[in-house]
């Protein structure tokens, strides 16, 4: 995984462990709650101060939501 932002750095194993908890989250309407973002942001910021709440949300969106949307789109196109 690559960290979102202007300077895309590789995500460390410690960061990946924190983000993996977000990636497995299933919320209502595939939305990530603010509490989950806040918790992940706090942990990630302690590792690397370049993390922001927006970057945490973007990382989840890029790695989870887009993948789900693509799978749904592929499933719909193959069903028709």
PDB file of N, CA and C in Angstrom:
ATOM      1  N   UNK A   1       0.830  -1.190   0.000  1.00  0.00           N
ATOM      2  CA  UNK A   1       0.000   0.000   0.000  1.00  0.00           C
ATOM      3  C   UNK A   1       0.864   1.239   0.000  1.00  0.00           C
ATOM      4  N   UNK A   2       0.358   2.262  -0.641  1.00  0.00           N
ATOM      5  CA  UNK A   2       1.072   3.534  -0.709  1.00  0.00           C
ATOM      6  C   UNK A   2       0.231   4.574   0.018  1.00  0.00           C
ATOM      7  N   UNK A   3       0.895   5.399   0.784  1.00  0.00           N
ATOM      8  CA  UNK A   3       0.228   6.447   1.536  1.00  0.00           C
ATOM      9  C   UNK A   3      -0.257   7.532   0.585  1.00  0.00           C
ATOM     10  N   UNK A   4      -1.496   8.003   0.749  1.00  0.00           N
ATOM     11  CA  UNK A   4      -1.978   9.084  -0.108  1.00  0.00           C
ATOM     12  C   UNK A   4      -1.267  10.391   0.207  1.00  0.00           C
ATOM     13  N   UNK A   5      -1.239  11.267  -0.759  1.00  0.00           N
ATOM     14  CA  UNK A   5      -0.646  12.573  -0.535  1.00  0.00           C
ATOM     15  C   UNK A   5       0.355  12.914  -1.621  1.00  0.00           C
ATOM     16  N   UNK A   6       0.942  14.091  -1.502  1.00  0.00           N
ATOM     17  CA  UNK A   6       1.880  14.565  -2.518  1.00  0.00           C
ATOM     18  C   UNK A   6       3.137  13.710  -2.551  1.00  0.00           C
ATOM     19  N   UNK A   7       3.671  13.425  -1.364  1.00  0.00           N
ATOM     20  CA  UNK A   7       4.870  12.595  -1.287  1.00  0.00           C
ATOM     21  C   UNK A   7       4.439  11.199  -0.873  1.00  0.00           C
ATOM     22  N   UNK A   8       4.231  10.356  -1.844  1.00  0.00           N
ATOM     23  CA  UNK A   8       3.727   9.021  -1.553  1.00  0.00           C
ATOM     24  C   UNK A   8       4.860   8.132  -1.062  1.00  0.00           C
ATOM     25  N   UNK A   9       4.849   7.868   0.242  1.00  0.00           N
ATOM     26  CA  UNK A   9       5.855   7.006   0.836  1.00  0.00           C
ATOM     27  C   UNK A   9       5.234   5.635   1.070  1.00  0.00           C
ATOM     28  N   UNK A  10       6.092   4.642   1.153  1.00  0.00           N
ATOM     29  CA  UNK A  10       5.618   3.307   1.504  1.00  0.00           C
ATOM     30  C   UNK A  10       5.088   3.345   2.936  1.00  0.00           C
ATOM     31  N   UNK A  11       4.061   2.571   3.185  1.00  0.00           N
ATOM     32  CA  UNK A  11       3.489   2.493   4.521  1.00  0.00           C
ATOM     33  C   UNK A  11       4.265   1.449   5.308  1.00  0.00           C
ATOM     34  N   UNK A  12       4.715   1.822   6.508  1.00  0.00           N
ATOM     35  CA  UNK A  12       5.491   0.896   7.331  1.00  0.00           C
ATOM     36  C   UNK A  12       4.600  -0.229   7.856  1.00  0.00           C
ATOM     37  N   UNK A  13       5.222  -1.258   8.381  1.00  0.00           N
ATOM     38  CA  UNK A  13       4.447  -2.396   8.890  1.00  0.00           C
ATOM     39  C   UNK A  13       3.587  -1.989  10.085  1.00  0.00           C
ATOM     40  N   UNK A  14       4.088  -1.082  10.925  1.00  0.00           N
ATOM     41  CA  UNK A  14       3.297  -0.608  12.066  1.00  0.00           C
ATOM     42  C   UNK A  14       2.070   0.167  11.582  1.00  0.00           C
ATOM     43  N   UNK A  15       2.263   1.003  10.568  1.00  0.00           N
ATOM     44  CA  UNK A  15       1.147   1.751   9.999  1.00  0.00           C
ATOM     45  C   UNK A  15       0.162   0.802   9.326  1.00  0.00           C
ATOM     46  N   UNK A  16       0.695  -0.190   8.622  1.00  0.00           N
ATOM     47  CA  UNK A  16      -0.156  -1.155   7.930  1.00  0.00           C
ATOM     48  C   UNK A  16      -1.034  -1.922   8.916  1.00  0.00           C
ATOM     49  N   UNK A  17      -0.477  -2.252  10.064  1.00  0.00           N
ATOM     50  CA  UNK A  17      -1.238  -2.977  11.087  1.00  0.00           C
ATOM     51  C   UNK A  17      -2.430  -2.144  11.568  1.00  0.00           C
ATOM     52  N   UNK A  18      -2.220  -0.859  11.766  1.00  0.00           N
ATOM     53  CA  UNK A  18      -3.300   0.039  12.199  1.00  0.00           C
ATOM     54  C   UNK A  18      -4.344   0.173  11.097  1.00  0.00           C
ATOM     55  N   UNK A  19      -3.885   0.362   9.866  1.00  0.00           N
ATOM     56  CA  UNK A  19      -4.812   0.536   8.750  1.00  0.00           C
ATOM     57  C   UNK A  19      -5.596  -0.739   8.447  1.00  0.00           C
ATOM     58  N   UNK A  20      -5.007  -1.896   8.702  1.00  0.00           N
ATOM     59  CA  UNK A  20      -5.712  -3.153   8.419  1.00  0.00           C
ATOM     60  C   UNK A  20      -6.985  -3.270   9.250  1.00  0.00           C
ATOM     61  N   UNK A  21      -6.981  -2.670  10.439  1.00  0.00           N
ATOM     62  CA  UNK A  21      -8.201  -2.655  11.260  1.00  0.00           C
ATOM     63  C   UNK A  21      -9.291  -1.835  10.572  1.00  0.00           C
ATOM     64  N   UNK A  22      -8.896  -0.745   9.923  1.00  0.00           N
ATOM     65  CA  UNK A  22      -9.866   0.072   9.194  1.00  0.00           C
ATOM     66  C   UNK A  22     -10.370  -0.647   7.956  1.00  0.00           C
ATOM     67  N   UNK A  23      -9.473  -1.354   7.281  1.00  0.00           N
ATOM     68  CA  UNK A  23      -9.840  -2.020   6.032  1.00  0.00           C
ATOM     69  C   UNK A  23     -10.878  -3.109   6.249  1.00  0.00           C
ATOM     70  N   UNK A  24     -10.917  -3.690   7.447  1.00  0.00           N
ATOM     71  CA  UNK A  24     -11.876  -4.763   7.720  1.00  0.00           C
ATOM     72  C   UNK A  24     -13.180  -4.231   8.304  1.00  0.00           C
ATOM     73  N   UNK A  25     -13.268  -2.919   8.511  1.00  0.00           N
ATOM     74  CA  UNK A  25     -14.472  -2.333   9.106  1.00  0.00           C
ATOM     75  C   UNK A  25     -15.623  -2.341   8.108  1.00  0.00           C
ATOM     76  N   UNK A  26     -16.774  -2.811   8.550  1.00  0.00           N
ATOM     77  CA  UNK A  26     -17.987  -2.779   7.726  1.00  0.00           C
ATOM     78  C   UNK A  26     -19.033  -1.955   8.452  1.00  0.00           C
ATOM     79  N   UNK A  27     -19.283  -0.775   7.955  1.00  0.00           N
ATOM     80  CA  UNK A  27     -20.262   0.094   8.580  1.00  0.00           C
ATOM     81  C   UNK A  27     -21.512   0.222   7.742  1.00  0.00           C
ATOM     82  N   UNK A  28     -22.449   1.003   8.223  1.00  0.00           N
ATOM     83  CA  UNK A  28     -23.671   1.254   7.473  1.00  0.00           C
ATOM     84  C   UNK A  28     -23.333   2.023   6.204  1.00  0.00           C
ATOM     85  N   UNK A  29     -23.883   1.569   5.096  1.00  0.00           N
ATOM     86  CA  UNK A  29     -23.690   2.216   3.792  1.00  0.00           C
ATOM     87  C   UNK A  29     -22.221   2.334   3.405  1.00  0.00           C
ATOM     88  N   UNK A  30     -21.412   1.419   3.905  1.00  0.00           N
ATOM     89  CA  UNK A  30     -19.977   1.432   3.592  1.00  0.00           C
ATOM     90  C   UNK A  30     -19.313   2.756   3.950  1.00  0.00           C
ATOM     91  N   UNK A  31     -19.755   3.368   5.034  1.00  0.00           N
ATOM     92  CA  UNK A  31     -19.141   4.612   5.492  1.00  0.00           C
ATOM     93  C   UNK A  31     -18.291   4.320   6.718  1.00  0.00           C
ATOM     94  N   UNK A  32     -17.211   5.025   6.828  1.00  0.00           N
ATOM     95  CA  UNK A  32     -16.313   4.874   7.958  1.00  0.00           C
ATOM     96  C   UNK A  32     -16.689   5.908   9.017  1.00  0.00           C
ATOM     97  N   UNK A  33     -16.989   5.486  10.254  1.00  0.00           N
ATOM     98  CA  UNK A  33     -17.389   6.456  11.276  1.00  0.00           C
ATOM     99  C   UNK A  33     -16.222   7.338  11.719  1.00  0.00           C
ATOM    100  N   UNK A  34     -16.562   8.525  12.165  1.00  0.00           N
ATOM    101  CA  UNK A  34     -15.549   9.490  12.589  1.00  0.00           C
ATOM    102  C   UNK A  34     -14.695   8.945  13.728  1.00  0.00           C
ATOM    103  N   UNK A  35     -15.305   8.151  14.619  1.00  0.00           N
ATOM    104  CA  UNK A  35     -14.562   7.606  15.760  1.00  0.00           C
ATOM    105  C   UNK A  35     -13.438   6.686  15.281  1.00  0.00           C
ATOM    106  N   UNK A  36     -13.730   5.881  14.255  1.00  0.00           N
ATOM    107  CA  UNK A  36     -12.718   4.963  13.720  1.00  0.00           C
ATOM    108  C   UNK A  36     -11.576   5.739  13.071  1.00  0.00           C
ATOM    109  N   UNK A  37     -11.914   6.796  12.349  1.00  0.00           N
ATOM    110  CA  UNK A  37     -10.888   7.635  11.722  1.00  0.00           C
ATOM    111  C   UNK A  37     -10.042   8.305  12.797  1.00  0.00           C
ATOM    112  N   UNK A  38     -10.687   8.836  13.823  1.00  0.00           N
ATOM    113  CA  UNK A  38      -9.982   9.525  14.910  1.00  0.00           C
ATOM    114  C   UNK A  38      -9.013   8.580  15.621  1.00  0.00           C
ATOM    115  N   UNK A  39      -9.467   7.370  15.900  1.00  0.00           N
ATOM    116  CA  UNK A  39      -8.629   6.387  16.591  1.00  0.00           C
ATOM    117  C   UNK A  39      -7.411   6.009  15.740  1.00  0.00           C
ATOM    118  N   UNK A  40      -7.645   5.746  14.463  1.00  0.00           N
ATOM    119  CA  UNK A  40      -6.543   5.385  13.565  1.00  0.00           C
ATOM    120  C   UNK A  40      -5.590   6.567  13.378  1.00  0.00           C
ATOM    121  N   UNK A  41      -6.146   7.762  13.217  1.00  0.00           N
ATOM    122  CA  UNK A  41      -5.320   8.957  13.033  1.00  0.00           C
ATOM    123  C   UNK A  41      -4.396   9.165  14.229  1.00  0.00           C
ATOM    124  N   UNK A  42      -4.932   9.033  15.435  1.00  0.00           N
ATOM    125  CA  UNK A  42      -4.136   9.237  16.644  1.00  0.00           C
ATOM    126  C   UNK A  42      -2.957   8.270  16.684  1.00  0.00           C
ATOM    127  N   UNK A  43      -3.227   7.006  16.382  1.00  0.00           N
ATOM    128  CA  UNK A  43      -2.160   6.000  16.399  1.00  0.00           C
ATOM    129  C   UNK A  43      -1.143   6.246  15.284  1.00  0.00           C
ATOM    130  N   UNK A  44      -1.624   6.587  14.093  1.00  0.00           N
ATOM    131  CA  UNK A  44      -0.724   6.820  12.959  1.00  0.00           C
ATOM    132  C   UNK A  44       0.115   8.081  13.153  1.00  0.00           C
ATOM    133  N   UNK A  45      -0.473   9.112  13.738  1.00  0.00           N
ATOM    134  CA  UNK A  45       0.241  10.372  13.956  1.00  0.00           C
ATOM    135  C   UNK A  45       1.413  10.173  14.911  1.00  0.00           C
ATOM    136  N   UNK A  46       1.255   9.255  15.873  1.00  0.00           N
ATOM    137  CA  UNK A  46       2.344   8.975  16.812  1.00  0.00           C
ATOM    138  C   UNK A  46       3.523   8.314  16.101  1.00  0.00           C
ATOM    139  N   UNK A  47       3.243   7.581  15.021  1.00  0.00           N
ATOM    140  CA  UNK A  47       4.303   6.931  14.250  1.00  0.00           C
ATOM    141  C   UNK A  47       4.943   7.924  13.287  1.00  0.00           C
ATOM    142  N   UNK A  48       4.114   8.692  12.590  1.00  0.00           N
ATOM    143  CA  UNK A  48       4.602   9.637  11.580  1.00  0.00           C
ATOM    144  C   UNK A  48       3.680  10.849  11.580  1.00  0.00           C
ATOM    145  N   UNK A  49       4.232  12.009  11.861  1.00  0.00           N
ATOM    146  CA  UNK A  49       3.419  13.218  12.007  1.00  0.00           C
ATOM    147  C   UNK A  49       2.868  13.748  10.685  1.00  0.00           C
ATOM    148  N   UNK A  50       3.175  13.111   9.572  1.00  0.00           N
ATOM    149  CA  UNK A  50       2.636  13.582   8.293  1.00  0.00           C
ATOM    150  C   UNK A  50       1.206  13.090   8.057  1.00  0.00           C
ATOM    151  N   UNK A  51       0.709  12.181   8.888  1.00  0.00           N
ATOM    152  CA  UNK A  51      -0.666  11.693   8.738  1.00  0.00           C
ATOM    153  C   UNK A  51      -1.665  12.768   9.147  1.00  0.00           C
ATOM    154  N   UNK A  52      -2.756  12.865   8.408  1.00  0.00           N
ATOM    155  CA  UNK A  52      -3.877  13.736   8.759  1.00  0.00           C
ATOM    156  C   UNK A  52      -5.141  12.885   8.742  1.00  0.00           C
ATOM    157  N   UNK A  53      -6.213  13.414   9.302  1.00  0.00           N
ATOM    158  CA  UNK A  53      -7.483  12.676   9.292  1.00  0.00           C
ATOM    159  C   UNK A  53      -7.954  12.453   7.859  1.00  0.00           C
ATOM    160  N   UNK A  54      -7.730  13.434   7.012  1.00  0.00           N
ATOM    161  CA  UNK A  54      -8.126  13.298   5.605  1.00  0.00           C
ATOM    162  C   UNK A  54      -7.332  12.186   4.926  1.00  0.00           C
ATOM    163  N   UNK A  55      -6.036  12.098   5.202  1.00  0.00           N
ATOM    164  CA  UNK A  55      -5.221  11.040   4.605  1.00  0.00           C
ATOM    165  C   UNK A  55      -5.679   9.661   5.061  1.00  0.00           C
ATOM    166  N   UNK A  56      -6.074   9.545   6.327  1.00  0.00           N
ATOM    167  CA  UNK A  56      -6.572   8.263   6.838  1.00  0.00           C
ATOM    168  C   UNK A  56      -7.838   7.880   6.080  1.00  0.00           C
ATOM    169  N   UNK A  57      -8.754   8.829   5.939  1.00  0.00           N
ATOM    170  CA  UNK A  57      -9.988   8.570   5.198  1.00  0.00           C
ATOM    171  C   UNK A  57      -9.725   8.250   3.737  1.00  0.00           C
ATOM    172  N   UNK A  58      -8.802   8.985   3.120  1.00  0.00           N
ATOM    173  CA  UNK A  58      -8.453   8.740   1.719  1.00  0.00           C
ATOM    174  C   UNK A  58      -7.843   7.355   1.534  1.00  0.00           C
ATOM    175  N   UNK A  59      -7.007   6.966   2.469  1.00  0.00           N
ATOM    176  CA  UNK A  59      -6.366   5.659   2.391  1.00  0.00           C
ATOM    177  C   UNK A  59      -7.420   4.555   2.473  1.00  0.00           C
ATOM    178  N   UNK A  60      -8.374   4.695   3.379  1.00  0.00           N
ATOM    179  CA  UNK A  60      -9.466   3.722   3.493  1.00  0.00           C
ATOM    180  C   UNK A  60     -10.284   3.716   2.204  1.00  0.00           C
ATOM    181  N   UNK A  61     -10.614   4.897   1.707  1.00  0.00           N
ATOM    182  CA  UNK A  61     -11.434   4.994   0.499  1.00  0.00           C
ATOM    183  C   UNK A  61     -10.737   4.326  -0.686  1.00  0.00           C
ATOM    184  N   UNK A  62      -9.458   4.634  -0.870  1.00  0.00           N
ATOM    185  CA  UNK A  62      -8.713   4.082  -2.005  1.00  0.00           C
ATOM    186  C   UNK A  62      -8.572   2.566  -1.929  1.00  0.00           C
ATOM    187  N   UNK A  63      -8.379   2.034  -0.735  1.00  0.00           N
ATOM    188  CA  UNK A  63      -8.092   0.612  -0.583  1.00  0.00           C
ATOM    189  C   UNK A  63      -9.306  -0.247  -0.274  1.00  0.00           C
ATOM    190  N   UNK A  64     -10.424   0.357   0.105  1.00  0.00           N
ATOM    191  CA  UNK A  64     -11.609  -0.432   0.455  1.00  0.00           C
ATOM    192  C   UNK A  64     -12.804  -0.046  -0.400  1.00  0.00           C
ATOM    193  N   UNK A  65     -13.214   1.188  -0.326  1.00  0.00           N
ATOM    194  CA  UNK A  65     -14.444   1.621  -0.979  1.00  0.00           C
ATOM    195  C   UNK A  65     -14.355   1.470  -2.498  1.00  0.00           C
ATOM    196  N   UNK A  66     -13.264   1.899  -3.093  1.00  0.00           N
ATOM    197  CA  UNK A  66     -13.124   1.779  -4.549  1.00  0.00           C
ATOM    198  C   UNK A  66     -13.105   0.322  -4.988  1.00  0.00           C
ATOM    199  N   UNK A  67     -12.475  -0.530  -4.193  1.00  0.00           N
ATOM    200  CA  UNK A  67     -12.428  -1.957  -4.518  1.00  0.00           C
ATOM    201  C   UNK A  67     -13.832  -2.541  -4.467  1.00  0.00           C
ATOM    202  N   UNK A  68     -14.600  -2.187  -3.437  1.00  0.00           N
ATOM    203  CA  UNK A  68     -15.980  -2.671  -3.316  1.00  0.00           C
ATOM    204  C   UNK A  68     -16.830  -2.181  -4.484  1.00  0.00           C
ATOM    205  N   UNK A  69     -16.672  -0.915  -4.839  1.00  0.00           N
ATOM    206  CA  UNK A  69     -17.453  -0.358  -5.943  1.00  0.00           C
ATOM    207  C   UNK A  69     -17.118  -1.062  -7.251  1.00  0.00           C
ATOM    208  N   UNK A  70     -15.846  -1.358  -7.467  1.00  0.00           N
ATOM    209  CA  UNK A  70     -15.429  -2.041  -8.693  1.00  0.00           C
ATOM    210  C   UNK A  70     -16.006  -3.454  -8.732  1.00  0.00           C
ATOM    211  N   UNK A  71     -15.980  -4.162  -7.596  1.00  0.00           N
ATOM    212  CA  UNK A  71     -16.531  -5.519  -7.548  1.00  0.00           C
ATOM    213  C   UNK A  71     -18.025  -5.508  -7.839  1.00  0.00           C
ATOM    214  N   UNK A  72     -18.750  -4.539  -7.255  1.00  0.00           N
ATOM    215  CA  UNK A  72     -20.191  -4.436  -7.497  1.00  0.00           C
ATOM    216  C   UNK A  72     -20.469  -4.136  -8.968  1.00  0.00           C
ATOM    217  N   UNK A  73     -19.692  -3.246  -9.543  1.00  0.00           N
ATOM    218  CA  UNK A  73     -19.877  -2.885 -10.949  1.00  0.00           C
ATOM    219  C   UNK A  73     -19.603  -4.092 -11.846  1.00  0.00           C
ATOM    220  N   UNK A  74     -18.532  -4.829 -11.547  1.00  0.00           N
ATOM    221  CA  UNK A  74     -18.204  -6.021 -12.333  1.00  0.00           C
ATOM    222  C   UNK A  74     -19.290  -7.085 -12.199  1.00  0.00           C
ATOM    223  N   UNK A  75     -19.827  -7.247 -10.992  1.00  0.00           N
ATOM    224  CA  UNK A  75     -20.876  -8.230 -10.752  1.00  0.00           C
ATOM    225  C   UNK A  75     -22.144  -7.862 -11.522  1.00  0.00           C
ATOM    226  N   UNK A  76     -22.493  -6.575 -11.521  1.00  0.00           N
ATOM    227  CA  UNK A  76     -23.688  -6.120 -12.243  1.00  0.00           C
ATOM    228  C   UNK A  76     -23.523  -6.297 -13.748  1.00  0.00           C
ATOM    229  N   UNK A  77     -22.342  -5.994 -14.261  1.00  0.00           N
ATOM    230  CA  UNK A  77     -22.125  -6.112 -15.706  1.00  0.00           C
ATOM    231  C   UNK A  77     -22.093  -7.577 -16.145  1.00  0.00           C
ATOM    232  N   UNK A  78     -21.622  -8.467 -15.295  1.00  0.00           N
ATOM    233  CA  UNK A  78     -21.594  -9.886 -15.665  1.00  0.00           C
ATOM    234  C   UNK A  78     -22.972 -10.530 -15.522  1.00  0.00           C
ATOM    235  N   UNK A  79     -23.839  -9.961 -14.681  1.00  0.00           N
ATOM    236  CA  UNK A  79     -25.190 -10.496 -14.491  1.00  0.00           C
ATOM    237  C   UNK A  79     -26.108 -10.130 -15.651  1.00  0.00           C
ATOM    238  N   UNK A  80     -25.824  -9.041 -16.339  1.00  0.00           N
ATOM    239  CA  UNK A  80     -26.706  -8.618 -17.430  1.00  0.00           C
ATOM    240  C   UNK A  80     -26.341  -9.188 -18.758  1.00  0.00           C
TER     241      UNK A  80
END
